[in-house]
Protein backbone atom coordinates (compact mmCIF):
# COMPACT_ATOMS: atom_id res chain seq x y z
CA MET A 1 82.22 124.12 115.43
CA PRO A 2 78.79 125.23 115.68
CA LEU A 3 75.75 122.95 116.07
CA HIS A 4 75.32 121.28 112.59
CA PRO A 5 72.23 122.63 110.83
CA GLN A 6 70.77 119.18 110.68
CA ALA A 7 71.04 118.89 114.37
CA ALA A 8 69.81 122.25 115.06
CA ALA A 9 66.68 121.56 112.99
CA PHE A 10 66.00 118.14 114.66
CA LEU A 11 66.44 119.71 118.06
CA LYS A 12 63.95 122.54 117.15
CA VAL A 13 61.53 119.63 116.23
CA MET A 14 62.06 117.86 119.47
CA ASP A 15 61.62 121.04 121.47
CA THR A 16 58.11 121.65 119.95
CA ALA A 17 57.03 118.25 121.34
CA ALA A 18 55.50 118.64 124.82
CA ALA A 19 57.47 116.46 127.02
CA PRO A 20 55.81 115.28 130.12
CA ALA A 21 57.44 116.56 133.58
CA GLU A 22 58.29 112.91 134.69
CA PRO A 23 59.10 110.64 131.50
CA ASP A 24 56.54 107.87 130.85
CA ILE A 25 58.89 104.55 130.03
CA THR A 26 55.74 102.86 128.30
CA ALA A 27 55.41 105.65 125.76
CA MET A 28 59.27 105.99 125.31
CA ARG A 29 59.67 102.46 124.53
CA ALA A 30 56.80 102.59 121.86
CA ALA A 31 58.24 105.72 120.35
CA THR A 32 61.70 104.23 120.21
CA ARG A 33 60.51 100.90 118.79
CA THR A 34 58.91 102.53 115.83
CA ASN A 35 61.18 105.43 115.21
CA PRO A 36 61.06 106.40 111.37
CA HIS A 37 64.35 108.23 111.59
CA ARG A 38 66.30 104.91 111.93
CA GLY A 39 65.41 103.88 108.52
CA THR A 40 64.98 100.10 107.53
CA GLY A 41 68.40 98.76 106.57
CA PRO A 42 68.97 96.38 103.70
CA ALA A 43 67.58 92.91 103.16
CA MET A 44 69.69 89.85 104.60
CA ALA A 45 70.21 86.30 103.38
CA GLN A 46 68.55 85.17 106.58
CA VAL A 47 67.03 86.84 109.67
CA GLU A 48 66.45 84.49 112.67
CA ASP A 49 64.93 85.02 116.11
CA ALA A 50 66.19 82.72 118.78
CA THR A 51 67.18 82.59 122.34
CA THR A 52 70.54 82.05 124.14
CA GLY A 53 69.60 80.58 127.39
CA ASP A 54 66.52 82.80 128.51
CA VAL A 55 67.80 85.72 126.30
CA PRO A 56 66.02 86.74 123.15
CA ILE A 57 68.36 87.31 120.29
CA ARG A 58 68.14 88.31 116.54
CA THR A 59 70.63 87.09 114.02
CA TYR A 60 71.37 88.50 110.78
CA ARG A 61 73.42 86.76 108.11
CA PRO A 62 74.42 88.90 104.83
CA ALA A 63 75.65 85.75 102.96
CA ASP A 64 76.07 82.08 103.30
CA GLY A 65 79.07 80.47 104.75
CA VAL A 66 80.94 80.60 108.30
CA LEU A 67 81.48 84.30 108.77
CA PRO A 68 82.96 86.72 111.53
CA ALA A 69 80.47 87.68 114.18
CA LEU A 70 79.33 90.79 115.73
CA VAL A 71 77.38 90.75 119.22
CA TYR A 72 75.49 94.08 119.19
CA PHE A 73 73.86 95.74 122.02
CA HIS A 74 71.10 98.52 121.59
CA GLY A 75 71.03 101.88 123.30
CA GLY A 76 68.11 103.21 125.49
CA GLY A 77 69.49 103.94 129.04
CA TRP A 78 69.40 100.31 129.73
CA SER A 79 65.44 100.97 129.91
CA ILE A 80 64.15 101.27 126.46
CA GLY A 81 64.97 99.63 123.01
CA ASP A 82 64.76 96.33 121.53
CA LEU A 83 65.47 93.93 118.77
CA ASN A 84 63.11 96.16 116.78
CA SER A 85 64.98 99.55 117.40
CA ALA A 86 68.18 97.92 116.88
CA ASP A 87 67.08 96.20 113.48
CA PRO A 88 68.24 98.90 110.87
CA MET A 89 71.74 99.22 112.43
CA CYS A 90 72.16 95.66 112.66
CA ARG A 91 71.11 94.93 109.16
CA ARG A 92 73.59 98.00 107.95
CA LEU A 93 76.54 96.79 109.89
CA ALA A 94 76.07 92.97 108.69
CA ALA A 95 76.02 94.23 105.15
CA GLU A 96 78.88 96.59 105.35
CA ALA A 97 81.22 94.75 107.75
CA GLY A 98 80.50 91.40 106.05
CA CYS A 99 79.72 89.59 109.06
CA VAL A 100 76.84 87.78 111.05
CA VAL A 101 75.41 90.30 113.64
CA ILE A 102 73.80 88.82 116.76
CA SER A 103 71.54 91.60 118.30
CA VAL A 104 70.78 91.11 122.03
CA ASP A 105 67.42 91.64 123.78
CA TYR A 106 68.78 92.03 127.27
CA ARG A 107 66.37 92.62 130.18
CA LEU A 108 65.40 96.03 130.90
CA ALA A 109 65.30 98.43 133.80
CA PRO A 110 63.40 99.26 136.07
CA GLU A 111 61.85 95.92 136.04
CA HIS A 112 65.22 94.31 135.92
CA PRO A 113 67.90 96.51 137.25
CA PHE A 114 71.56 96.13 137.26
CA PRO A 115 73.11 93.68 136.90
CA ALA A 116 70.48 91.79 134.94
CA ALA A 117 71.63 93.57 131.50
CA VAL A 118 75.35 92.78 132.15
CA GLU A 119 74.62 89.33 132.99
CA ASP A 120 72.62 88.87 129.58
CA ALA A 121 75.14 90.70 127.63
CA TYR A 122 77.89 88.58 128.82
CA ALA A 123 76.09 85.30 128.56
CA VAL A 124 75.49 85.91 124.82
CA THR A 125 78.92 86.97 124.03
CA ALA A 126 80.59 84.17 125.84
CA ASP A 127 78.19 81.79 124.09
CA VAL A 128 78.87 82.96 120.67
CA VAL A 129 82.37 82.28 121.24
CA ARG A 130 82.16 78.97 122.92
CA ASN A 131 79.43 77.60 120.73
CA ALA A 132 80.30 79.15 117.60
CA GLY A 133 78.94 76.42 115.35
CA ARG A 134 75.41 76.96 116.62
CA TYR A 135 75.69 80.52 115.21
CA GLY A 136 77.46 79.67 112.02
CA VAL A 137 80.49 81.85 112.84
CA ARG A 138 84.25 81.91 113.38
CA PRO A 139 85.04 81.63 117.17
CA ASP A 140 88.30 83.51 116.37
CA ALA A 141 86.54 86.39 114.85
CA VAL A 142 84.14 87.58 117.33
CA ALA A 143 83.56 91.49 118.04
CA VAL A 144 81.24 93.49 120.15
CA ALA A 145 79.57 96.79 119.49
CA GLY A 146 76.91 99.02 120.89
CA ASP A 147 75.43 102.51 120.92
CA SER A 148 75.12 104.75 124.03
CA SER A 149 74.16 102.32 127.00
CA GLY A 150 74.65 99.45 124.61
CA GLY A 151 78.31 100.57 124.07
CA ASN A 152 78.65 100.31 128.01
CA LEU A 153 77.22 96.77 127.83
CA ALA A 154 79.60 96.08 125.02
CA THR A 155 82.81 96.92 126.67
CA VAL A 156 81.92 95.55 130.15
CA ALA A 157 81.22 92.19 128.43
CA ALA A 158 84.50 92.64 126.63
CA ARG A 159 86.26 93.10 130.02
CA LEU A 160 84.47 89.97 131.72
CA ALA A 161 85.44 87.92 128.54
CA ARG A 162 89.04 88.92 129.05
CA ASP A 163 88.93 87.79 132.78
CA ASP A 164 87.40 84.62 131.53
CA GLY A 165 90.03 83.98 128.92
CA ILE A 166 87.81 84.58 126.02
CA ALA A 167 89.40 86.45 123.04
CA LEU A 168 87.45 89.02 121.24
CA ILE A 169 89.13 90.73 118.19
CA HIS A 170 87.41 94.24 118.52
CA GLN A 171 85.02 96.40 120.42
CA LEU A 172 83.13 99.28 118.53
CA LEU A 173 81.71 101.72 120.89
CA MET A 174 79.41 104.54 119.57
CA CYS A 175 78.61 107.43 121.93
CA PRO A 176 79.13 105.09 124.87
CA ASN A 177 78.25 105.65 128.50
CA THR A 178 81.42 104.66 130.38
CA ASP A 179 81.26 106.59 133.85
CA SER A 180 78.60 107.25 136.34
CA GLY A 181 79.59 110.68 138.02
CA LEU A 182 77.50 112.66 135.80
CA ASP A 183 79.84 115.46 136.23
CA SER A 184 81.91 115.84 133.08
CA PRO A 185 82.43 119.13 131.47
CA SER A 186 80.47 117.91 128.50
CA PHE A 187 77.66 116.61 130.72
CA THR A 188 77.32 120.06 132.51
CA GLU A 189 77.75 122.05 129.20
CA TYR A 190 75.29 120.24 126.99
CA GLY A 191 72.75 119.12 129.97
CA GLU A 192 69.83 121.02 128.36
CA GLY A 193 68.73 121.57 124.81
CA HIS A 194 70.95 119.05 122.88
CA GLY A 195 68.95 116.07 122.82
CA LEU A 196 69.90 113.79 125.65
CA SER A 197 69.51 115.94 128.78
CA ALA A 198 71.34 115.47 132.06
CA ALA A 199 67.94 115.08 133.83
CA THR A 200 66.81 112.19 131.39
CA MET A 201 70.28 110.70 131.99
CA ALA A 202 70.02 110.61 135.88
CA TRP A 203 66.50 109.50 135.34
CA PHE A 204 68.01 106.45 133.32
CA PHE A 205 70.69 105.76 135.74
CA GLY A 206 68.20 105.83 138.82
CA HIS A 207 66.14 103.15 137.00
CA TYR A 208 69.18 100.93 136.24
CA LEU A 209 71.15 101.26 139.36
CA GLY A 210 68.72 100.44 141.87
CA TYR A 211 70.77 99.64 145.20
CA ALA A 212 74.15 99.04 143.16
CA ASP A 213 77.40 101.08 143.99
CA ARG A 214 77.84 103.38 141.02
CA SER A 215 81.44 102.87 141.10
CA ASP A 216 81.12 99.33 140.07
CA PRO A 217 83.18 99.03 136.69
CA ARG A 218 80.32 96.80 135.29
CA ILE A 219 78.41 100.07 135.80
CA ALA A 220 81.18 102.57 134.88
CA PRO A 221 83.99 100.93 132.85
CA LEU A 222 86.12 103.99 133.24
CA ARG A 223 86.70 103.14 136.67
CA ALA A 224 87.90 99.64 136.12
CA GLY A 225 91.42 99.14 137.50
CA ASP A 226 93.01 97.39 134.77
CA LEU A 227 91.97 97.74 131.03
CA SER A 228 95.08 96.07 129.73
CA GLY A 229 94.41 93.17 127.61
CA MET A 230 91.14 94.58 126.04
CA PRO A 231 90.40 94.10 122.41
CA PRO A 232 91.32 96.62 120.06
CA THR A 233 88.85 99.64 120.02
CA THR A 234 86.89 101.89 117.89
CA ILE A 235 85.20 104.81 119.74
CA LEU A 236 83.02 107.49 118.08
CA THR A 237 81.73 110.61 119.82
CA ALA A 238 79.53 113.66 119.10
CA GLU A 239 80.60 117.20 120.07
CA TYR A 240 77.40 118.24 121.54
CA ASP A 241 76.88 114.95 123.56
CA ILE A 242 76.70 114.81 127.36
CA LEU A 243 78.59 111.54 126.84
CA ARG A 244 81.38 112.96 124.84
CA ASP A 245 83.95 113.73 127.45
CA GLU A 246 83.52 110.14 129.33
CA GLY A 247 83.76 108.42 125.85
CA GLU A 248 86.97 110.17 125.05
CA ALA A 249 88.23 109.70 128.42
CA TYR A 250 87.77 105.85 128.11
CA ALA A 251 89.70 105.85 124.75
CA GLY A 252 92.40 107.63 126.71
CA ALA A 253 92.37 105.08 129.41
CA LEU A 254 92.47 102.29 127.12
CA THR A 255 95.41 103.62 125.15
CA ASP A 256 97.24 104.24 128.40
CA ALA A 257 96.74 100.48 129.18
CA GLY A 258 98.21 99.67 125.82
CA VAL A 259 95.13 98.74 123.96
CA PRO A 260 95.03 99.96 120.32
CA VAL A 261 92.27 102.71 120.22
CA GLU A 262 91.16 104.63 117.12
CA LEU A 263 88.78 107.66 118.24
CA ARG A 264 87.04 109.89 116.07
CA ARG A 265 84.71 113.02 117.27
CA PHE A 266 81.90 114.10 114.86
CA GLU A 267 81.85 117.81 114.78
CA GLY A 268 78.43 119.62 115.43
CA MET A 269 76.68 116.16 116.06
CA ILE A 270 74.36 115.31 119.14
CA HIS A 271 74.25 112.02 121.15
CA ASN A 272 73.53 108.96 119.09
CA PHE A 273 73.39 110.70 115.77
CA VAL A 274 74.64 107.54 114.35
CA THR A 275 71.38 105.54 114.61
CA LEU A 276 69.30 108.28 112.69
CA PRO A 277 70.46 108.24 109.06
CA GLU A 278 67.31 109.63 107.90
CA VAL A 279 68.08 112.80 109.59
CA PHE A 280 71.74 113.06 109.64
CA ASP A 281 74.16 112.86 106.80
CA ASP A 282 77.08 112.15 109.22
CA ALA A 283 75.30 109.12 110.67
CA THR A 284 75.87 107.35 107.41
CA ALA A 285 79.47 108.42 107.27
CA ALA A 286 79.75 107.32 110.76
CA ARG A 287 78.44 103.85 110.37
CA GLU A 288 80.54 103.43 107.09
CA TRP A 289 83.71 104.46 109.06
CA ALA A 290 82.94 102.16 111.95
CA ALA A 291 82.19 99.21 109.56
CA SER A 292 85.26 99.64 107.82
CA ARG A 293 87.08 99.28 111.21
CA LEU A 294 85.35 96.15 111.88
CA ARG A 295 86.25 94.91 108.28
CA ARG A 296 89.79 95.58 108.84
CA ALA A 297 89.66 93.84 112.28
CA PHE A 298 88.06 90.84 110.72
CA ALA A 299 90.61 90.73 107.59
CA GLU A 300 93.80 91.05 109.99
CA ARG A 301 92.29 87.88 111.73
CA THR A 302 92.28 86.00 108.33
CA GLY A 303 95.46 87.56 107.10
CA GLU A 304 93.72 89.24 104.32
CA ARG A 305 94.83 92.80 103.36
């Protein structure tokens, strides 16, 4: 379908802002931290900042009691974003999915290139399951989620957990990075003028990769040889997103490996629209659908219907 009118209007506003020839990572981090388009999110029974090892985390508890858990990884090309930028989404998912959300402030590139973010993502994921009492959550009802590069980290952490014999019950991937080729049809077709550009994505990858092999499945989960045994998966994509095809290809690869997958493409939308509910009506619809998938996964674990 045509670009949604809300997306077209948003892109027009973005286009009027003079972008520097070379992105300024300090300015990008500041803008992401305070982006008003993310909204604020609901109040929680408890919000607490802590650390898992050396990794800063923020825990959102919507109600008292031992609850299911969602480990959340923010987007931002592995180079921008933090606990504050993820705060509204984490609050909403905690309230709507009825779970404790543990938001992970993983190390960022270029100061900390690959595999620093992967190490942090997996360290927190494993600790939530192995030391669930510390977090006040159920060790048998832990899921992972993330948006954009955070979706990449979520599914990489899930595969590492599988390899270590740690059982996760679900993974929620929103507009995820799943490959490193930067050459899919959607990457070429929507590489300019649709929000996240091909040039910016290549810039992010350049910071993140360092000297790593871009075919490493911890960078490009679509290139993992064996995806069997991964947790049931929800993937949402956006029609006008350069990452659309790799997200949908990953859904297909998981399905081929016998993993239950539900994929939903949001027509007329652009990359990571789901994080901007103050701009896109579909952001709320997408998040509510995603939260319903988490609720179902948690309910199935407890035998509820």
